[in-house]
């Protein structure tokens, strides 16, 4: 199959009516694009993997189904095997190994984009522009802040990817800043 971002976005929207879920996919997509550039990988494939990693979440949110169902859909549609495997292994429930750089990057970026989004939205201007990694690290220590974000996954993800956590946060902030408007993180007028 020939990969196409607009087709992947349409697939995501077909299975998810929640705009926040769609924007989460777009945020992970932006982060994955940055890592594809960093590692000299296929940007389109990595963006689409990030975009579609939660394609099944709205219809199959249970830990027993999420990831597995979506991976099955992608396999049936002819998506590349490494994309399917990365989507299936992006959470820890199935205890699947993350053997490819693509799978490791997806795991590393998933939860972090949620924390960064939350950190941007509580700023007075509601903007990701100018957000510092140190601010995200401070929010990360506050267990009451964005309590749905798994901090262990963020730490383990950076370790599995082999990157320093502060550097990882900075890379993902920069990537999301490039797409701030589409992500609803460009901010408000002061």
Protein backbone atom coordinates (compact mmCIF):
# COMPACT_ATOMS: atom_id res chain seq x y z
CA UNK A 1 0.00 0.00 0.00
CA UNK A 2 1.10 3.57 -0.60
CA UNK A 3 1.12 5.58 2.61
CA UNK A 4 -0.83 8.83 2.61
CA UNK A 5 -1.15 11.18 5.59
CA UNK A 6 -4.58 12.51 4.59
CA UNK A 7 -5.94 8.97 4.21
CA UNK A 8 -4.52 8.05 7.62
CA UNK A 9 -6.11 11.13 9.18
CA UNK A 10 -9.45 10.21 7.59
CA UNK A 11 -9.11 6.70 9.06
CA UNK A 12 -8.37 8.13 12.50
CA UNK A 13 -11.39 10.45 12.28
CA UNK A 14 -13.62 7.60 11.04
CA UNK A 15 -13.01 5.75 14.30
CA UNK A 16 -12.65 8.70 16.71
CA UNK A 17 -15.19 11.51 17.04
CA UNK A 18 -13.28 13.10 19.93
CA UNK A 19 -11.23 16.03 18.66
CA UNK A 20 -8.88 15.67 21.63
CA UNK A 21 -8.06 12.10 20.55
CA UNK A 22 -7.44 13.30 17.00
CA UNK A 23 -5.19 16.10 18.25
CA UNK A 24 -3.32 13.62 20.44
CA UNK A 25 -2.65 11.52 17.34
CA UNK A 26 -1.47 14.63 15.52
CA UNK A 27 0.83 15.56 18.43
CA UNK A 28 2.42 12.10 18.49
CA UNK A 29 2.70 12.33 14.70
CA UNK A 30 4.64 15.60 15.01
CA UNK A 31 6.99 14.07 17.58
CA UNK A 32 7.52 11.00 15.40
CA UNK A 33 8.34 13.22 12.42
CA UNK A 34 11.07 14.88 14.48
CA UNK A 35 12.59 11.55 15.45
CA UNK A 36 12.41 10.28 11.86
CA UNK A 37 14.43 13.34 10.83
CA UNK A 38 16.89 12.80 13.68
CA UNK A 39 17.48 9.17 12.77
CA UNK A 40 17.26 9.52 8.98
CA UNK A 41 14.11 7.42 8.76
CA UNK A 42 11.00 7.62 6.56
CA UNK A 43 9.19 10.73 7.85
CA UNK A 44 5.85 9.85 6.29
CA UNK A 45 5.82 6.33 7.75
CA UNK A 46 6.80 7.59 11.18
CA UNK A 47 4.22 10.42 11.10
CA UNK A 48 1.46 8.01 10.12
CA UNK A 49 2.48 5.54 12.84
CA UNK A 50 2.19 8.32 15.41
CA UNK A 51 -1.10 9.52 13.97
CA UNK A 52 -2.73 6.07 13.99
CA UNK A 53 -1.35 4.59 17.19
CA UNK A 54 -4.67 5.15 19.02
CA UNK A 55 -6.97 4.57 16.02
CA UNK A 56 -8.99 2.04 18.04
CA UNK A 57 -9.07 3.93 21.34
CA UNK A 58 -12.57 5.43 21.21
CA UNK A 59 -14.22 2.17 20.15
CA UNK A 60 -11.93 -0.23 22.06
CA UNK A 61 -10.51 1.62 25.11
CA UNK A 62 -10.00 -1.40 27.36
CA UNK A 63 -6.43 -2.47 28.02
CA UNK A 64 -7.28 -5.95 26.71
CA UNK A 65 -8.23 -4.55 23.30
CA UNK A 66 -6.52 -1.19 22.79
CA UNK A 67 -3.61 -1.47 20.41
CA UNK A 68 -4.39 -5.03 19.35
CA UNK A 69 -7.65 -4.14 17.59
CA UNK A 70 -6.10 -1.10 15.89
CA UNK A 71 -3.09 -3.12 14.78
CA UNK A 72 -5.47 -5.68 13.28
CA UNK A 73 -7.30 -2.97 11.35
CA UNK A 74 -4.02 -1.58 10.01
CA UNK A 75 -2.81 -5.05 9.00
CA UNK A 76 -6.10 -5.71 7.19
CA UNK A 77 -5.69 -2.41 5.31
CA UNK A 78 -2.19 -3.35 4.19
CA UNK A 79 -0.10 -1.06 6.39
CA UNK A 80 3.56 -2.09 6.68
CA UNK A 81 4.33 -4.78 9.25
CA UNK A 82 6.62 -2.53 11.29
CA UNK A 83 3.83 0.07 11.61
CA UNK A 84 1.37 -2.61 12.72
CA UNK A 85 3.86 -4.00 15.25
CA UNK A 86 4.66 -0.55 16.67
CA UNK A 87 0.94 0.22 17.15
CA UNK A 88 0.34 -3.13 18.86
CA UNK A 89 3.38 -2.69 21.15
CA UNK A 90 2.83 0.97 22.07
CA UNK A 91 1.45 0.12 25.49
CA UNK A 92 2.75 -2.37 28.04
CA UNK A 93 -0.36 -4.53 28.47
CA UNK A 94 0.57 -7.17 25.88
CA UNK A 95 4.25 -7.31 26.95
CA UNK A 96 5.35 -7.19 23.32
CA UNK A 97 8.98 -6.40 22.63
CA UNK A 98 9.75 -3.09 20.97
CA UNK A 99 12.50 -4.26 18.66
CA UNK A 100 12.45 -1.51 16.05
CA UNK A 101 13.47 2.10 16.43
CA UNK A 102 9.98 2.98 15.14
CA UNK A 103 8.29 1.07 18.00
CA UNK A 104 10.64 2.52 20.62
CA UNK A 105 10.07 6.07 19.39
CA UNK A 106 6.29 5.63 19.38
CA UNK A 107 6.31 4.39 22.96
CA UNK A 108 8.63 7.21 24.00
CA UNK A 109 6.49 9.94 22.43
CA UNK A 110 2.97 8.80 23.31
CA UNK A 111 2.55 9.75 26.97
CA UNK A 112 4.99 12.65 26.76
CA UNK A 113 2.85 14.50 24.20
CA UNK A 114 -0.07 14.35 26.63
CA UNK A 115 2.00 15.84 29.45
CA UNK A 116 3.37 18.57 27.18
CA UNK A 117 -0.12 19.42 25.92
CA UNK A 118 -1.39 19.72 29.49
CA UNK A 119 1.62 21.84 30.49
CA UNK A 120 1.01 24.20 27.56
CA UNK A 121 -2.70 24.55 28.26
CA UNK A 122 -2.23 25.64 31.88
CA UNK A 123 0.10 28.47 30.87
CA UNK A 124 -1.57 31.92 30.96
CA UNK A 125 -1.38 32.23 27.16
CA UNK A 126 -2.29 28.54 26.58
CA UNK A 127 0.64 28.25 24.17
CA UNK A 128 3.36 25.69 23.63
CA UNK A 129 5.54 28.41 22.12
CA UNK A 130 8.37 29.08 24.55
CA UNK A 131 7.53 26.15 26.82
CA UNK A 132 10.73 24.87 28.44
CA UNK A 133 11.67 21.26 29.18
CA UNK A 134 12.36 22.29 32.79
CA UNK A 135 8.74 23.42 33.16
CA UNK A 136 7.51 20.08 31.85
CA UNK A 137 9.84 18.23 34.26
CA UNK A 138 8.45 20.30 37.14
CA UNK A 139 4.87 19.44 36.12
CA UNK A 140 5.91 15.79 35.77
CA UNK A 141 6.85 15.71 39.48
CA UNK A 142 3.38 16.92 40.48
CA UNK A 143 1.37 13.67 40.57
CA UNK A 144 -1.91 15.60 40.76
CA UNK A 145 -1.16 17.38 37.47
CA UNK A 146 -2.39 15.50 34.38
CA UNK A 147 -2.83 12.44 36.56
CA UNK A 148 -3.84 10.29 33.58
CA UNK A 149 -0.34 10.60 32.12
CA UNK A 150 1.88 7.65 33.01
CA UNK A 151 5.18 9.13 34.19
CA UNK A 152 6.88 5.71 34.23
CA UNK A 153 6.10 5.29 30.52
CA UNK A 154 7.73 8.66 29.82
CA UNK A 155 10.88 7.72 31.73
CA UNK A 156 11.01 4.16 30.35
CA UNK A 157 10.32 5.42 26.84
CA UNK A 158 13.30 7.77 26.87
CA UNK A 159 15.48 4.99 28.27
CA UNK A 160 14.35 2.47 25.63
CA UNK A 161 14.97 5.04 22.91
CA UNK A 162 18.39 5.75 24.41
CA UNK A 163 17.91 9.50 24.82
CA UNK A 164 18.33 11.82 27.79
CA UNK A 165 14.93 12.69 29.25
CA UNK A 166 15.49 16.46 29.14
CA UNK A 167 16.66 16.25 25.52
CA UNK A 168 13.68 14.04 24.68
CA UNK A 169 11.24 16.55 26.18
CA UNK A 170 12.92 19.40 24.26
CA UNK A 171 12.73 17.48 20.95
CA UNK A 172 9.03 16.75 21.43
CA UNK A 173 8.23 20.33 22.48
CA UNK A 174 10.00 21.66 19.37
CA UNK A 175 8.16 19.18 17.15
CA UNK A 176 4.78 20.06 18.61
CA UNK A 177 5.58 23.77 18.38
CA UNK A 178 5.96 23.37 14.59
CA UNK A 179 2.32 22.20 14.51
CA UNK A 180 1.06 24.44 17.33
CA UNK A 181 -1.81 25.90 15.30
CA UNK A 182 -3.20 22.51 14.23
CA UNK A 183 -2.81 21.16 17.76
CA UNK A 184 -4.70 24.09 19.31
CA UNK A 185 -1.55 25.12 21.19
CA UNK A 186 -0.67 28.37 19.43
CA UNK A 187 -2.12 30.27 22.37
CA UNK A 188 -4.34 33.23 22.95
CA UNK A 189 -3.64 36.92 22.74
CA UNK A 190 -2.15 38.33 25.93
